[in-house]
C-alpha atoms as a PDB file:
ATOM      1  CA  MET A   1       0.254   0.472  -0.082  1.00  0.00           C
ATOM      2  CA  ASN A   2       1.261   3.242  -1.180  1.00  0.00           C
ATOM      3  CA  LYS A   3       1.559   6.392   1.461  1.00  0.00           C
ATOM      4  CA  ALA A   4      -0.632   8.011  -0.783  1.00  0.00           C
ATOM      5  CA  PHE A   5      -3.112   5.824  -0.066  1.00  0.00           C
ATOM      6  CA  ARG A   6      -2.472   5.520   2.993  1.00  0.00           C
ATOM      7  CA  LYS A   7      -2.682   8.916   3.879  1.00  0.00           C
ATOM      8  CA  ILE A   8      -6.346   8.978   2.997  1.00  0.00           C
ATOM      9  CA  CYS A   9      -7.252   6.030   5.004  1.00  0.00           C
ATOM     10  CA  VAL A  10     -10.033   5.180   7.106  1.00  0.00           C
ATOM     11  CA  ILE A  11     -11.286   2.451   9.647  1.00  0.00           C
ATOM     12  CA  SER A  12     -14.955   1.568   8.122  1.00  0.00           C
ATOM     13  CA  CYS A  13     -17.982  -0.391  10.494  1.00  0.00           C
ATOM     14  CA  VAL A  14     -18.556  -3.460   9.267  1.00  0.00           C
ATOM     15  CA  THR A  15     -20.591  -4.134   6.441  1.00  0.00           C
ATOM     16  CA  MET A  16     -23.543  -3.018   8.238  1.00  0.00           C
ATOM     17  CA  ALA A  17     -22.396   0.305   7.884  1.00  0.00           C
ATOM     18  CA  PHE A  18     -25.103   2.202   6.078  1.00  0.00           C
ATOM     19  CA  VAL A  19     -28.036   0.437   8.389  1.00  0.00           C
ATOM     20  CA  ALA A  20     -29.782   2.771  11.295  1.00  0.00           C
ATOM     21  CA  THR A  21     -29.675   0.361  14.299  1.00  0.00           C
ATOM     22  CA  SER A  22     -32.301   2.915  16.431  1.00  0.00           C
ATOM     23  CA  CYS A  23     -34.039   2.531  19.778  1.00  0.00           C
ATOM     24  CA  SER A  24     -37.275   1.170  18.839  1.00  0.00           C
ATOM     25  CA  ASP A  25     -38.961   0.246  16.320  1.00  0.00           C
ATOM     26  CA  ASN A  26     -41.061   3.611  15.234  1.00  0.00           C
ATOM     27  CA  GLU A  27     -37.597   5.366  14.475  1.00  0.00           C
ATOM     28  CA  PRO A  28     -37.383   6.518  11.100  1.00  0.00           C
ATOM     29  CA  GLU A  29     -34.841   4.714   8.741  1.00  0.00           C
ATOM     30  CA  ASN A  30     -32.569   7.728   8.285  1.00  0.00           C
ATOM     31  CA  SER A  31     -31.614   8.091  12.111  1.00  0.00           C
ATOM     32  CA  VAL A  32     -28.726   6.670  13.108  1.00  0.00           C
ATOM     33  CA  ILE A  33     -27.262   5.816  16.123  1.00  0.00           C
ATOM     34  CA  THR A  34     -23.445   5.363  16.545  1.00  0.00           C
ATOM     35  CA  ASP A  35     -22.953   1.944  18.436  1.00  0.00           C
ATOM     36  CA  PHE A  36     -18.782   1.973  18.595  1.00  0.00           C
ATOM     37  CA  SER A  37     -18.587  -1.968  19.114  1.00  0.00           C
ATOM     38  CA  LEU A  38     -19.779  -2.404  15.093  1.00  0.00           C
ATOM     39  CA  VAL A  39     -16.893  -0.744  13.954  1.00  0.00           C
ATOM     40  CA  GLU A  40     -13.671  -3.221  12.741  1.00  0.00           C
ATOM     41  CA  ALA A  41     -11.533  -1.767  15.072  1.00  0.00           C
ATOM     42  CA  ASN A  42      -7.946  -3.487  17.244  1.00  0.00           C
ATOM     43  CA  TYR A  43      -7.096  -2.455  20.771  1.00  0.00           C
ATOM     44  CA  LYS A  44      -4.236  -3.328  22.866  1.00  0.00           C
ATOM     45  CA  ASP A  45      -4.543  -5.306  25.844  1.00  0.00           C
ATOM     46  CA  SER A  46      -5.318  -1.482  27.834  1.00  0.00           C
ATOM     47  CA  GLY A  47      -8.294  -1.264  25.366  1.00  0.00           C
ATOM     48  CA  GLU A  48      -6.880   1.935  23.701  1.00  0.00           C
ATOM     49  CA  TRP A  49      -7.210   1.751  19.656  1.00  0.00           C
ATOM     50  CA  VAL A  50      -3.821   0.638  18.488  1.00  0.00           C
ATOM     51  CA  ASP A  51      -4.049   3.679  15.755  1.00  0.00           C
ATOM     52  CA  LYS A  52      -4.284   6.350  18.179  1.00  0.00           C
ATOM     53  CA  LEU A  53      -0.934   7.024  17.227  1.00  0.00           C
ATOM     54  CA  ASN A  54      -0.986   5.727  13.878  1.00  0.00           C
ATOM     55  CA  PRO A  55      -0.429   9.143  11.033  1.00  0.00           C
ATOM     56  CA  ASP A  56      -1.398   7.123   8.548  1.00  0.00           C
ATOM     57  CA  VAL A  57      -5.405   7.318   9.688  1.00  0.00           C
ATOM     58  CA  MET A  58      -7.193  10.035   9.299  1.00  0.00           C
ATOM     59  CA  GLY A  59     -10.251   9.010  10.592  1.00  0.00           C
ATOM     60  CA  PHE A  60     -12.900   6.290  11.052  1.00  0.00           C
ATOM     61  CA  ASP A  61     -16.081   5.766  10.356  1.00  0.00           C
ATOM     62  CA  CYS A  62     -19.078   4.315  11.922  1.00  0.00           C
ATOM     63  CA  LEU A  63     -22.480   3.373  10.456  1.00  0.00           C
ATOM     64  CA  GLY A  64     -22.301   5.887   7.749  1.00  0.00           C
ATOM     65  CA  VAL A  65     -20.852   8.752  10.524  1.00  0.00           C
ATOM     66  CA  ARG A  66     -17.130  10.182  10.527  1.00  0.00           C
ATOM     67  CA  PHE A  67     -15.193  10.883  13.311  1.00  0.00           C
ATOM     68  CA  SER A  68     -12.508  13.661  12.732  1.00  0.00           C
ATOM     69  CA  HIS A  69      -8.249  11.614  13.908  1.00  0.00           C
ATOM     70  CA  SER A  70      -4.994  13.059  12.895  1.00  0.00           C
ATOM     71  CA  ALA A  71      -1.284  11.993  14.648  1.00  0.00           C
ATOM     72  CA  THR A  72       1.854  13.691  14.516  1.00  0.00           C
ATOM     73  CA  VAL A  73       4.945  11.578  15.408  1.00  0.00           C
ATOM     74  CA  SER A  74       8.140  12.878  15.619  1.00  0.00           C
ATOM     75  CA  GLU A  75      11.854  12.671  17.458  1.00  0.00           C
ATOM     76  CA  TRP A  76      10.294  14.991  19.452  1.00  0.00           C
ATOM     77  CA  GLY A  77       6.908  13.115  20.662  1.00  0.00           C
ATOM     78  CA  SER A  78       4.206  11.834  19.496  1.00  0.00           C
ATOM     79  CA  TYR A  79       1.021  13.173  19.518  1.00  0.00           C
ATOM     80  CA  TRP A  80      -2.657  13.149  18.255  1.00  0.00           C
ATOM     81  CA  SER A  81      -5.818  15.153  18.736  1.00  0.00           C
ATOM     82  CA  GLY A  82      -9.441  14.108  17.065  1.00  0.00           C
ATOM     83  CA  PHE A  83     -11.095  11.296  18.118  1.00  0.00           C
ATOM     84  CA  VAL A  84      -9.997   7.748  19.105  1.00  0.00           C
ATOM     85  CA  LEU A  85     -11.342   4.536  19.847  1.00  0.00           C
ATOM     86  CA  THR A  86     -11.527   2.609  23.351  1.00  0.00           C
ATOM     87  CA  ARG A  87     -12.999  -0.049  25.250  1.00  0.00           C
ATOM     88  CA  SER A  88     -10.300   1.234  28.517  1.00  0.00           C
ATOM     89  CA  LYS A  89     -11.355   0.501  31.792  1.00  0.00           C
ATOM     90  CA  ASP A  90      -8.266   2.065  33.789  1.00  0.00           C
ATOM     91  CA  LEU A  91      -9.444   4.434  36.436  1.00  0.00           C
ATOM     92  CA  THR A  92      -5.635   4.413  37.907  1.00  0.00           C
ATOM     93  CA  ASP A  93      -5.352   8.429  39.047  1.00  0.00           C
ATOM     94  CA  TYR A  94      -2.293   9.734  37.802  1.00  0.00           C
ATOM     95  CA  SER A  95      -2.849  13.146  38.890  1.00  0.00           C
ATOM     96  CA  GLN A  96       0.790  13.961  40.740  1.00  0.00           C
ATOM     97  CA  SER A  97       2.776  11.651  38.494  1.00  0.00           C
ATOM     98  CA  THR A  98       5.466  13.767  37.516  1.00  0.00           C
ATOM     99  CA  ASP A  99       6.088  11.710  33.916  1.00  0.00           C
ATOM    100  CA  ASP A 100       4.161  11.001  30.881  1.00  0.00           C
ATOM    101  CA  SER A 101       1.567   8.174  32.949  1.00  0.00           C
ATOM    102  CA  TRP A 102      -0.817  10.691  32.146  1.00  0.00           C
ATOM    103  CA  ILE A 103      -0.095  10.422  28.182  1.00  0.00           C
ATOM    104  CA  ASN A 104      -0.304   6.979  28.240  1.00  0.00           C
ATOM    105  CA  HIS A 105      -3.514   6.315  29.868  1.00  0.00           C
ATOM    106  CA  ASP A 106      -5.519   9.406  28.548  1.00  0.00           C
ATOM    107  CA  CYS A 107      -8.373   7.611  27.197  1.00  0.00           C
ATOM    108  CA  THR A 108     -10.689   6.072  29.946  1.00  0.00           C
ATOM    109  CA  SER A 109     -14.301   7.174  30.337  1.00  0.00           C
ATOM    110  CA  MET A 110     -15.313   7.820  33.936  1.00  0.00           C
ATOM    111  CA  SER A 111     -17.529   5.121  33.768  1.00  0.00           C
ATOM    112  CA  GLY A 112     -14.976   2.739  32.401  1.00  0.00           C
ATOM    113  CA  GLY A 113     -16.544   2.165  28.794  1.00  0.00           C
ATOM    114  CA  GLY A 114     -19.258   3.367  26.713  1.00  0.00           C
ATOM    115  CA  ILE A 115     -23.355   3.447  27.487  1.00  0.00           C
ATOM    116  CA  VAL A 116     -23.990  -0.356  28.009  1.00  0.00           C
ATOM    117  CA  GLY A 117     -21.322  -1.422  30.353  1.00  0.00           C
ATOM    118  CA  VAL A 118     -17.571  -1.154  31.892  1.00  0.00           C
ATOM    119  CA  GLY A 119     -15.113  -2.570  28.865  1.00  0.00           C
ATOM    120  CA  THR A 120     -17.433  -1.410  25.683  1.00  0.00           C
ATOM    121  CA  PRO A 121     -16.659   0.588  22.703  1.00  0.00           C
ATOM    122  CA  TYR A 122     -17.001   4.758  23.439  1.00  0.00           C
ATOM    123  CA  VAL A 123     -14.833   7.531  22.012  1.00  0.00           C
ATOM    124  CA  VAL A 124     -12.547   9.696  22.982  1.00  0.00           C
ATOM    125  CA  GLY A 125     -12.052  13.405  22.099  1.00  0.00           C
ATOM    126  CA  TYR A 126      -8.739  15.936  22.294  1.00  0.00           C
ATOM    127  CA  TRP A 127      -9.515  19.258  20.930  1.00  0.00           C
ATOM    128  CA  ASN A 128      -5.908  21.171  19.986  1.00  0.00           C
ATOM    129  CA  SER A 129      -6.877  24.784  21.018  1.00  0.00           C
ATOM    130  CA  SER A 130      -4.552  26.470  19.044  1.00  0.00           C
ATOM    131  CA  GLU A 131      -7.314  25.965  16.103  1.00  0.00           C
ATOM    132  CA  GLY A 132      -9.282  28.961  16.851  1.00  0.00           C
ATOM    133  CA  ILE A 133     -12.733  30.268  17.342  1.00  0.00           C
ATOM    134  CA  GLU A 134     -14.197  28.890  13.795  1.00  0.00           C
ATOM    135  CA  PRO A 135     -12.064  26.869  12.442  1.00  0.00           C
ATOM    136  CA  GLU A 136     -11.152  25.814   8.610  1.00  0.00           C
ATOM    137  CA  SER A 137     -10.011  22.438   9.709  1.00  0.00           C
ATOM    138  CA  PRO A 138     -11.760  21.982  13.092  1.00  0.00           C
ATOM    139  CA  SER A 139      -9.620  19.320  15.421  1.00  0.00           C
ATOM    140  CA  LEU A 140     -13.017  17.739  16.548  1.00  0.00           C
ATOM    141  CA  LYS A 141     -15.060  17.268  13.619  1.00  0.00           C
ATOM    142  CA  ILE A 142     -18.256  14.610  13.099  1.00  0.00           C
ATOM    143  CA  GLU A 143     -19.545  14.841   9.497  1.00  0.00           C
ATOM    144  CA  MET A 144     -21.281  11.945   7.292  1.00  0.00           C
ATOM    145  CA  ALA A 145     -18.643   9.773   5.519  1.00  0.00           C
ATOM    146  CA  ASP A 146     -20.582  10.319   1.928  1.00  0.00           C
ATOM    147  CA  ALA A 147     -20.968  14.335   2.747  1.00  0.00           C
ATOM    148  CA  SER A 148     -24.123  14.352   3.122  1.00  0.00           C
ATOM    149  CA  ALA A 149     -27.062  16.739   4.970  1.00  0.00           C
ATOM    150  CA  PHE A 150     -27.815  15.744   8.444  1.00  0.00           C
ATOM    151  CA  GLU A 151     -29.753  16.787  11.215  1.00  0.00           C
ATOM    152  CA  ALA A 152     -28.173  15.952  14.816  1.00  0.00           C
ATOM    153  CA  GLU A 153     -30.623  15.096  17.827  1.00  0.00           C
ATOM    154  CA  TYR A 154     -28.453  14.175  20.181  1.00  0.00           C
ATOM    155  CA  VAL A 155     -24.655  12.706  21.969  1.00  0.00           C
ATOM    156  CA  TRP A 156     -24.124  11.112  25.571  1.00  0.00           C
ATOM    157  CA  VAL A 157     -21.072  12.362  27.178  1.00  0.00           C
ATOM    158  CA  ASN A 158     -18.386  11.924  29.922  1.00  0.00           C
ATOM    159  CA  ASN A 159     -15.345  12.803  32.023  1.00  0.00           C
ATOM    160  CA  THR A 160     -12.537  11.324  31.083  1.00  0.00           C
ATOM    161  CA  SER A 161     -10.264   9.746  33.895  1.00  0.00           C
ATOM    162  CA  TYR A 162      -7.603  12.512  33.224  1.00  0.00           C
ATOM    163  CA  THR A 163      -9.998  15.582  32.935  1.00  0.00           C
ATOM    164  CA  TYR A 164     -11.720  14.417  36.078  1.00  0.00           C
ATOM    165  CA  TYR A 165      -8.653  13.910  38.126  1.00  0.00           C
ATOM    166  CA  ALA A 166      -7.206  16.977  36.415  1.00  0.00           C
ATOM    167  CA  ILE A 167     -10.057  19.076  37.518  1.00  0.00           C
ATOM    168  CA  LYS A 168     -10.434  17.267  40.851  1.00  0.00           C
ATOM    169  CA  ASP A 169      -7.098  16.856  42.484  1.00  0.00           C
ATOM    170  CA  GLY A 170      -5.060  18.937  40.021  1.00  0.00           C
ATOM    171  CA  THR A 171      -1.754  18.052  37.767  1.00  0.00           C
ATOM    172  CA  PRO A 172       1.997  19.906  37.958  1.00  0.00           C
ATOM    173  CA  TRP A 173       0.443  21.423  35.283  1.00  0.00           C
ATOM    174  CA  SER A 174      -3.107  23.008  35.671  1.00  0.00           C
ATOM    175  CA  LYS A 175      -5.519  23.386  39.119  1.00  0.00           C
ATOM    176  CA  THR A 176      -7.624  22.163  41.726  1.00  0.00           C
ATOM    177  CA  PHE A 177     -10.882  23.916  40.685  1.00  0.00           C
ATOM    178  CA  ALA A 178     -12.333  25.605  43.278  1.00  0.00           C
ATOM    179  CA  ALA A 179     -15.275  28.431  43.739  1.00  0.00           C
ATOM    180  CA  GLY A 180     -15.782  30.144  40.779  1.00  0.00           C
ATOM    181  CA  ASP A 181     -13.792  27.114  38.008  1.00  0.00           C
ATOM    182  CA  TRP A 182     -15.933  25.383  35.431  1.00  0.00           C
ATOM    183  CA  TYR A 183     -15.266  23.549  32.657  1.00  0.00           C
ATOM    184  CA  LYS A 184     -17.627  22.204  29.210  1.00  0.00           C
ATOM    185  CA  VAL A 185     -18.083  21.035  25.696  1.00  0.00           C
ATOM    186  CA  GLU A 186     -19.342  22.870  22.886  1.00  0.00           C
ATOM    187  CA  PHE A 187     -21.114  22.181  20.104  1.00  0.00           C
ATOM    188  CA  TYR A 188     -21.313  23.941  17.109  1.00  0.00           C
ATOM    189  CA  GLY A 189     -22.814  22.889  13.476  1.00  0.00           C
ATOM    190  CA  VAL A 190     -22.044  24.236  10.380  1.00  0.00           C
ATOM    191  CA  THR A 191     -24.533  23.865   8.100  1.00  0.00           C
ATOM    192  CA  ILE A 192     -24.684  23.366   3.949  1.00  0.00           C
ATOM    193  CA  GLU A 193     -24.593  26.897   3.432  1.00  0.00           C
ATOM    194  CA  GLY A 194     -21.828  27.560   6.102  1.00  0.00           C
ATOM    195  CA  THR A 195     -23.360  29.275   8.831  1.00  0.00           C
ATOM    196  CA  VAL A 196     -21.760  28.369  11.890  1.00  0.00           C
ATOM    197  CA  VAL A 197     -24.994  27.666  14.680  1.00  0.00           C
ATOM    198  CA  GLY A 198     -24.524  26.910  18.487  1.00  0.00           C
ATOM    199  CA  PRO A 199     -23.236  26.628  20.343  1.00  0.00           C
ATOM    200  CA  VAL A 200     -24.645  24.013  22.158  1.00  0.00           C
ATOM    201  CA  GLU A 201     -23.088  23.996  25.588  1.00  0.00           C
ATOM    202  CA  GLN A 202     -22.431  21.297  28.502  1.00  0.00           C
ATOM    203  CA  TYR A 203     -20.968  21.715  31.361  1.00  0.00           C
ATOM    204  CA  LEU A 204     -18.300  18.977  32.912  1.00  0.00           C
ATOM    205  CA  ALA A 205     -17.710  20.308  35.867  1.00  0.00           C
ATOM    206  CA  ASP A 206     -19.489  23.339  37.580  1.00  0.00           C
ATOM    207  CA  TYR A 207     -17.729  25.017  40.098  1.00  0.00           C
ATOM    208  CA  ARG A 208     -19.875  28.189  40.065  1.00  0.00           C
ATOM    209  CA  ALA A 209     -22.351  27.673  42.910  1.00  0.00           C
ATOM    210  CA  ASP A 210     -22.301  29.493  45.873  1.00  0.00           C
ATOM    211  CA  SER A 211     -22.581  26.757  47.771  1.00  0.00           C
ATOM    212  CA  ASP A 212     -19.917  23.954  47.830  1.00  0.00           C
ATOM    213  CA  VAL A 213     -22.601  21.092  47.963  1.00  0.00           C
ATOM    214  CA  ASN A 214     -23.652  22.692  44.327  1.00  0.00           C
ATOM    215  CA  HIS A 215     -20.621  22.358  42.852  1.00  0.00           C
ATOM    216  CA  TYR A 216     -20.550  18.696  40.625  1.00  0.00           C
ATOM    217  CA  ILE A 217     -17.710  16.574  38.289  1.00  0.00           C
ATOM    218  CA  ILE A 218     -19.453  14.539  35.631  1.00  0.00           C
ATOM    219  CA  LYS A 219     -18.487  11.162  36.464  1.00  0.00           C
ATOM    220  CA  ASP A 220     -21.479   9.310  34.491  1.00  0.00           C
ATOM    221  CA  TRP A 221     -23.138   9.435  31.003  1.00  0.00           C
ATOM    222  CA  THR A 222     -24.899  12.649  30.595  1.00  0.00           C
ATOM    223  CA  VAL A 223     -27.147  13.053  27.535  1.00  0.00           C
ATOM    224  CA  VAL A 224     -26.803  16.718  25.422  1.00  0.00           C
ATOM    225  CA  ASN A 225     -30.059  17.902  23.452  1.00  0.00           C
ATOM    226  CA  LEU A 226     -28.078  18.915  20.025  1.00  0.00           C
ATOM    227  CA  LEU A 227     -31.339  19.663  18.492  1.00  0.00           C
ATOM    228  CA  PRO A 228     -30.483  23.992  18.656  1.00  0.00           C
ATOM    229  CA  LEU A 229     -27.994  23.019  16.015  1.00  0.00           C
ATOM    230  CA  ASN A 230     -30.104  22.868  13.795  1.00  0.00           C
ATOM    231  CA  ALA A 231     -31.961  25.715  13.880  1.00  0.00           C
ATOM    232  CA  LYS A 232     -30.888  27.472  10.824  1.00  0.00           C
ATOM    233  CA  GLY A 233     -30.724  24.356   8.211  1.00  0.00           C
ATOM    234  CA  SER A 234     -29.314  21.011   7.495  1.00  0.00           C
ATOM    235  CA  LEU A 235     -25.940  20.605   8.650  1.00  0.00           C
ATOM    236  CA  LYS A 236     -22.695  19.566   6.875  1.00  0.00           C
ATOM    237  CA  TYR A 237     -20.690  18.843  10.038  1.00  0.00           C
ATOM    238  CA  ILE A 238     -20.601  19.549  13.750  1.00  0.00           C
ATOM    239  CA  TYR A 239     -17.323  20.158  15.522  1.00  0.00           C
ATOM    240  CA  LEU A 240     -16.635  20.386  19.393  1.00  0.00           C
ATOM    241  CA  GLN A 241     -14.424  23.029  20.935  1.00  0.00           C
ATOM    242  CA  MET A 242     -13.301  22.961  25.410  1.00  0.00           C
ATOM    243  CA  GLN A 243     -13.294  26.310  27.341  1.00  0.00           C
ATOM    244  CA  SER A 244     -12.097  26.365  31.146  1.00  0.00           C
ATOM    245  CA  SER A 245     -11.522  28.612  33.554  1.00  0.00           C
ATOM    246  CA  ASP A 246      -8.477  27.087  34.132  1.00  0.00           C
ATOM    247  CA  VAL A 247      -6.551  28.979  31.540  1.00  0.00           C
ATOM    248  CA  GLY A 248      -2.571  30.780  31.119  1.00  0.00           C
ATOM    249  CA  GLN A 249       0.034  32.089  28.880  1.00  0.00           C
ATOM    250  CA  TRP A 250      -0.397  29.436  26.290  1.00  0.00           C
ATOM    251  CA  GLY A 251      -4.562  28.697  27.059  1.00  0.00           C
ATOM    252  CA  ILE A 252      -6.624  26.259  28.619  1.00  0.00           C
ATOM    253  CA  ASN A 253      -4.710  24.118  31.061  1.00  0.00           C
ATOM    254  CA  THR A 254      -7.177  21.478  32.074  1.00  0.00           C
ATOM    255  CA  PRO A 255      -6.602  18.841  29.842  1.00  0.00           C
ATOM    256  CA  THR A 256      -9.067  19.003  27.000  1.00  0.00           C
ATOM    257  CA  TYR A 257     -10.599  15.537  26.490  1.00  0.00           C
ATOM    258  CA  VAL A 258     -14.665  14.597  26.140  1.00  0.00           C
ATOM    259  CA  ALA A 259     -15.186  10.811  26.177  1.00  0.00           C
ATOM    260  CA  LEU A 260     -18.783  10.254  23.576  1.00  0.00           C
ATOM    261  CA  ASP A 261     -21.426   7.473  23.192  1.00  0.00           C
ATOM    262  CA  ARG A 262     -24.284   7.183  20.917  1.00  0.00           C
ATOM    263  CA  LEU A 263     -24.766   9.964  18.789  1.00  0.00           C
ATOM    264  CA  LYS A 264     -28.306  10.561  17.217  1.00  0.00           C
ATOM    265  CA  ILE A 265     -28.404  11.806  13.905  1.00  0.00           C
ATOM    266  CA  VAL A 266     -30.631  12.177  11.087  1.00  0.00           C
ATOM    267  CA  LYS A 267     -30.159  12.254   7.619  1.00  0.00           C
ATOM    268  CA  LYS A 268     -31.659  14.174   5.087  1.00  0.00           C
END
């Protein structure tokens, strides 16, 4: 396989990739709820996707929905952004480690698996915070593999263990959250005409309330209503960004990860 071909390689679903999965017989035939157990992918013993740091894999498809991925491997280190598949259930707290432990354990949801249960597949997204407010090429991008239009309905989100413990206990590079702090994921829709809609926001940690008893860090799967993204017409793609109260000279200090499962869209 030549290098040019590998660079457009994507991981595809099983043969039923374009068959819509639904929660009931009343779902329209053109609705899709992503089930990552249907993606043909290889995992390490740790549950981590083997292609996490593969620069030749530019994304993966699930039931016709494409999730972005990129990786860089160099003599100075290896990095990735976008989405990765994972079945990791390692909930160890590495937040006080001074080595690169978190970099090797950054793909676990706080549920230890997807919505179905511990050890089941889901995805983790990592946002490249240098991309700007309305990026031409978002690091966290979701679209139809055939470039068709769609409407968004909902998705389930959770914190990763890396972000959760960084917020709860701090790390050498980020603060322990205190009163007034917050961390959130933002969903934007881009219509066929190029109009940006959103954001739809979901706080993954919220310490803004006056009382400590109302402070929280999400550690269970939480549904996000994406219907407002359809307000100006059918979508070409969705992209995600993160925001935090913990920022420094180089941007967000909070690890910019989010876990996702069971995105529902309707093809138009």
